[in-house]
Amino acid sequence: MSPAIVLGFTLGTLYGLVFYVVFGHGWLRLIGYWLVSVTGFFLGHWLADVVGLALFDIGELHTVEGTLVSWLSCVTLRLGWRA
């Protein structure tokens, strides 16, 4: 497995866990934040690759763009659960 994929899963998992610790209630939300965070991270990475953005990349991984989309995905899920 590529180191970029491992780092992406690690960062996505970390972001989902942090979001759960701050805002979560229950195991279902932990799983939801994790799935949305990891998916959002790789979606942000892919979008940055397609568009051609390169802000503070770590190797092949677009960390800034992945982080932004991951957090935006978690915020969107949180707002959806509050409604």
N, C-alpha and C. Protein backbone atom coordinates (compact mmCIF):
# COMPACT_ATOMS: atom_id res chain seq x y z
N MET A 1 0.84 -1.17 0.00
CA MET A 1 0.00 0.00 0.00
C MET A 1 0.89 1.24 0.00
N SER A 2 0.49 2.22 -0.74
CA SER A 2 1.26 3.45 -0.89
C SER A 2 1.30 4.24 0.43
N PRO A 3 2.44 4.84 0.75
CA PRO A 3 2.52 5.66 1.96
C PRO A 3 1.53 6.84 1.95
N ALA A 4 1.21 7.36 0.78
CA ALA A 4 0.25 8.46 0.69
C ALA A 4 -1.14 8.00 1.11
N ILE A 5 -1.52 6.78 0.76
CA ILE A 5 -2.82 6.24 1.15
C ILE A 5 -2.86 6.01 2.66
N VAL A 6 -1.78 5.47 3.21
CA VAL A 6 -1.73 5.22 4.66
C VAL A 6 -1.81 6.54 5.42
N LEU A 7 -1.06 7.54 4.97
CA LEU A 7 -1.10 8.85 5.63
C LEU A 7 -2.47 9.49 5.48
N GLY A 8 -3.11 9.34 4.33
CA GLY A 8 -4.44 9.88 4.13
C GLY A 8 -5.46 9.24 5.06
N PHE A 9 -5.42 7.92 5.19
CA PHE A 9 -6.32 7.24 6.13
C PHE A 9 -6.04 7.65 7.56
N THR A 10 -4.76 7.82 7.89
CA THR A 10 -4.40 8.22 9.25
C THR A 10 -4.91 9.62 9.56
N LEU A 11 -4.70 10.56 8.65
CA LEU A 11 -5.18 11.92 8.88
C LEU A 11 -6.70 11.99 8.90
N GLY A 12 -7.35 11.30 7.97
CA GLY A 12 -8.81 11.28 7.96
C GLY A 12 -9.38 10.68 9.23
N THR A 13 -8.77 9.61 9.72
CA THR A 13 -9.21 8.99 10.96
C THR A 13 -8.99 9.92 12.14
N LEU A 14 -7.85 10.58 12.18
CA LEU A 14 -7.56 11.52 13.25
C LEU A 14 -8.56 12.67 13.27
N TYR A 15 -8.87 13.22 12.10
CA TYR A 15 -9.83 14.33 12.03
C TYR A 15 -11.22 13.88 12.47
N GLY A 16 -11.63 12.70 12.05
CA GLY A 16 -12.93 12.18 12.46
C GLY A 16 -12.99 11.94 13.96
N LEU A 17 -11.91 11.42 14.53
CA LEU A 17 -11.85 11.17 15.97
C LEU A 17 -11.88 12.47 16.76
N VAL A 18 -11.14 13.45 16.32
CA VAL A 18 -11.14 14.75 17.01
C VAL A 18 -12.53 15.38 16.94
N PHE A 19 -13.16 15.31 15.81
CA PHE A 19 -14.50 15.88 15.66
C PHE A 19 -15.48 15.15 16.56
N TYR A 20 -15.35 13.83 16.68
CA TYR A 20 -16.23 13.06 17.55
C TYR A 20 -16.00 13.43 19.01
N VAL A 21 -14.74 13.59 19.42
CA VAL A 21 -14.44 13.93 20.81
C VAL A 21 -15.04 15.29 21.17
N VAL A 22 -15.01 16.22 20.24
CA VAL A 22 -15.55 17.55 20.51
C VAL A 22 -17.07 17.58 20.42
N PHE A 23 -17.66 16.93 19.43
CA PHE A 23 -19.10 17.08 19.17
C PHE A 23 -19.92 15.80 19.27
N GLY A 24 -19.31 14.64 19.35
CA GLY A 24 -20.04 13.38 19.18
C GLY A 24 -20.78 12.90 20.41
N HIS A 25 -21.81 12.09 20.18
CA HIS A 25 -22.58 11.43 21.22
C HIS A 25 -22.98 10.06 20.70
N GLY A 26 -22.31 9.02 21.14
CA GLY A 26 -22.69 7.67 20.74
C GLY A 26 -21.79 7.09 19.66
N TRP A 27 -21.83 5.75 19.60
CA TRP A 27 -20.96 5.02 18.67
C TRP A 27 -21.34 5.23 17.22
N LEU A 28 -22.61 5.42 16.94
CA LEU A 28 -23.03 5.62 15.56
C LEU A 28 -22.42 6.90 14.99
N ARG A 29 -22.35 7.92 15.79
CA ARG A 29 -21.75 9.18 15.32
C ARG A 29 -20.24 9.03 15.11
N LEU A 30 -19.59 8.22 15.94
CA LEU A 30 -18.16 7.98 15.73
C LEU A 30 -17.92 7.34 14.37
N ILE A 31 -18.71 6.33 14.05
CA ILE A 31 -18.58 5.67 12.75
C ILE A 31 -18.91 6.65 11.62
N GLY A 32 -19.96 7.45 11.80
CA GLY A 32 -20.34 8.42 10.79
C GLY A 32 -19.26 9.46 10.54
N TYR A 33 -18.72 10.03 11.62
CA TYR A 33 -17.66 11.03 11.46
C TYR A 33 -16.42 10.41 10.82
N TRP A 34 -16.10 9.17 11.18
CA TRP A 34 -14.94 8.53 10.58
C TRP A 34 -15.12 8.32 9.08
N LEU A 35 -16.27 7.77 8.70
CA LEU A 35 -16.51 7.53 7.27
C LEU A 35 -16.52 8.83 6.47
N VAL A 36 -17.22 9.82 6.98
CA VAL A 36 -17.31 11.10 6.27
C VAL A 36 -15.95 11.79 6.21
N SER A 37 -15.19 11.71 7.29
CA SER A 37 -13.89 12.37 7.32
C SER A 37 -12.90 11.74 6.35
N VAL A 38 -12.80 10.42 6.35
CA VAL A 38 -11.86 9.75 5.45
C VAL A 38 -12.29 9.95 4.00
N THR A 39 -13.59 9.81 3.73
CA THR A 39 -14.08 10.02 2.37
C THR A 39 -13.84 11.45 1.92
N GLY A 40 -14.12 12.41 2.81
CA GLY A 40 -13.89 13.82 2.48
C GLY A 40 -12.42 14.13 2.24
N PHE A 41 -11.55 13.50 3.02
CA PHE A 41 -10.12 13.74 2.82
C PHE A 41 -9.67 13.29 1.44
N PHE A 42 -10.07 12.09 1.05
CA PHE A 42 -9.65 11.60 -0.26
C PHE A 42 -10.37 12.32 -1.40
N LEU A 43 -11.58 12.79 -1.16
CA LEU A 43 -12.27 13.62 -2.16
C LEU A 43 -11.53 14.94 -2.36
N GLY A 44 -11.12 15.57 -1.27
CA GLY A 44 -10.33 16.80 -1.38
C GLY A 44 -9.01 16.58 -2.06
N HIS A 45 -8.36 15.46 -1.76
CA HIS A 45 -7.10 15.13 -2.42
C HIS A 45 -7.32 14.95 -3.93
N TRP A 46 -8.36 14.23 -4.28
CA TRP A 46 -8.65 13.98 -5.69
C TRP A 46 -9.00 15.28 -6.41
N LEU A 47 -9.83 16.13 -5.80
CA LEU A 47 -10.20 17.40 -6.43
C LEU A 47 -8.97 18.29 -6.65
N ALA A 48 -8.08 18.33 -5.67
CA ALA A 48 -6.85 19.13 -5.82
C ALA A 48 -5.98 18.57 -6.94
N ASP A 49 -5.97 17.27 -7.08
CA ASP A 49 -5.19 16.65 -8.14
C ASP A 49 -5.78 16.98 -9.51
N VAL A 50 -7.11 16.95 -9.61
CA VAL A 50 -7.78 17.26 -10.88
C VAL A 50 -7.59 18.73 -11.26
N VAL A 51 -7.76 19.61 -10.29
CA VAL A 51 -7.66 21.05 -10.55
C VAL A 51 -6.20 21.49 -10.71
N GLY A 52 -5.30 20.80 -10.04
CA GLY A 52 -3.89 21.14 -10.15
C GLY A 52 -3.38 21.99 -9.00
N LEU A 53 -4.07 22.00 -7.88
CA LEU A 53 -3.61 22.74 -6.70
C LEU A 53 -2.49 21.98 -6.02
N ALA A 54 -1.58 22.73 -5.43
CA ALA A 54 -0.47 22.09 -4.71
C ALA A 54 -0.04 22.99 -3.56
N LEU A 55 -0.80 22.96 -2.47
CA LEU A 55 -0.46 23.75 -1.29
C LEU A 55 0.09 22.82 -0.21
N PHE A 56 1.34 22.92 0.10
CA PHE A 56 1.98 22.15 1.16
C PHE A 56 1.72 20.65 1.03
N ASP A 57 2.02 20.11 -0.10
CA ASP A 57 1.86 18.67 -0.32
C ASP A 57 2.91 17.90 0.48
N ILE A 58 2.52 16.72 0.91
CA ILE A 58 3.46 15.78 1.51
C ILE A 58 3.60 14.64 0.52
N GLY A 59 4.66 14.65 -0.22
CA GLY A 59 4.83 13.67 -1.30
C GLY A 59 3.75 13.88 -2.35
N GLU A 60 2.98 12.85 -2.60
CA GLU A 60 1.89 12.92 -3.58
C GLU A 60 0.57 13.37 -2.95
N LEU A 61 0.53 13.50 -1.63
CA LEU A 61 -0.71 13.75 -0.91
C LEU A 61 -0.98 15.25 -0.76
N HIS A 62 -2.15 15.68 -1.18
CA HIS A 62 -2.58 17.08 -1.04
C HIS A 62 -3.23 17.24 0.33
N THR A 63 -2.41 17.54 1.33
CA THR A 63 -2.89 17.52 2.71
C THR A 63 -3.80 18.68 3.05
N VAL A 64 -3.51 19.88 2.58
CA VAL A 64 -4.33 21.04 2.91
C VAL A 64 -5.72 20.90 2.32
N GLU A 65 -5.79 20.56 1.07
CA GLU A 65 -7.09 20.42 0.42
C GLU A 65 -7.89 19.27 1.02
N GLY A 66 -7.22 18.16 1.30
CA GLY A 66 -7.88 17.03 1.94
C GLY A 66 -8.39 17.37 3.33
N THR A 67 -7.60 18.12 4.08
CA THR A 67 -8.01 18.53 5.41
C THR A 67 -9.23 19.44 5.36
N LEU A 68 -9.21 20.39 4.46
CA LEU A 68 -10.35 21.32 4.35
C LEU A 68 -11.65 20.60 4.00
N VAL A 69 -11.59 19.70 3.03
CA VAL A 69 -12.81 18.98 2.63
C VAL A 69 -13.23 18.00 3.73
N SER A 70 -12.28 17.42 4.43
CA SER A 70 -12.61 16.51 5.52
C SER A 70 -13.36 17.25 6.63
N TRP A 71 -12.85 18.38 7.05
CA TRP A 71 -13.53 19.16 8.10
C TRP A 71 -14.87 19.70 7.62
N LEU A 72 -14.94 20.14 6.38
CA LEU A 72 -16.21 20.63 5.83
C LEU A 72 -17.24 19.50 5.79
N SER A 73 -16.80 18.30 5.48
CA SER A 73 -17.70 17.15 5.46
C SER A 73 -18.22 16.83 6.86
N CYS A 74 -17.35 16.89 7.84
CA CYS A 74 -17.77 16.64 9.23
C CYS A 74 -18.74 17.71 9.72
N VAL A 75 -18.47 18.96 9.39
CA VAL A 75 -19.38 20.04 9.78
C VAL A 75 -20.74 19.86 9.11
N THR A 76 -20.74 19.49 7.85
CA THR A 76 -22.00 19.26 7.13
C THR A 76 -22.78 18.11 7.76
N LEU A 77 -22.10 17.05 8.13
CA LEU A 77 -22.78 15.93 8.78
C LEU A 77 -23.34 16.36 10.13
N ARG A 78 -22.57 17.12 10.88
CA ARG A 78 -23.04 17.60 12.19
C ARG A 78 -24.28 18.46 12.03
N LEU A 79 -24.29 19.36 11.08
CA LEU A 79 -25.46 20.21 10.85
C LEU A 79 -26.66 19.38 10.39
N GLY A 80 -26.42 18.34 9.63
CA GLY A 80 -27.50 17.47 9.19
C GLY A 80 -28.11 16.69 10.35
N TRP A 81 -27.28 16.29 11.32
CA TRP A 81 -27.79 15.57 12.48
C TRP A 81 -28.53 16.48 13.44
N ARG A 82 -28.19 17.76 13.44
CA ARG A 82 -28.85 18.69 14.36
C ARG A 82 -30.24 19.07 13.88
N ALA A 83 -30.46 18.99 12.59
CA ALA A 83 -31.75 19.42 12.04
C ALA A 83 -32.87 18.46 12.34
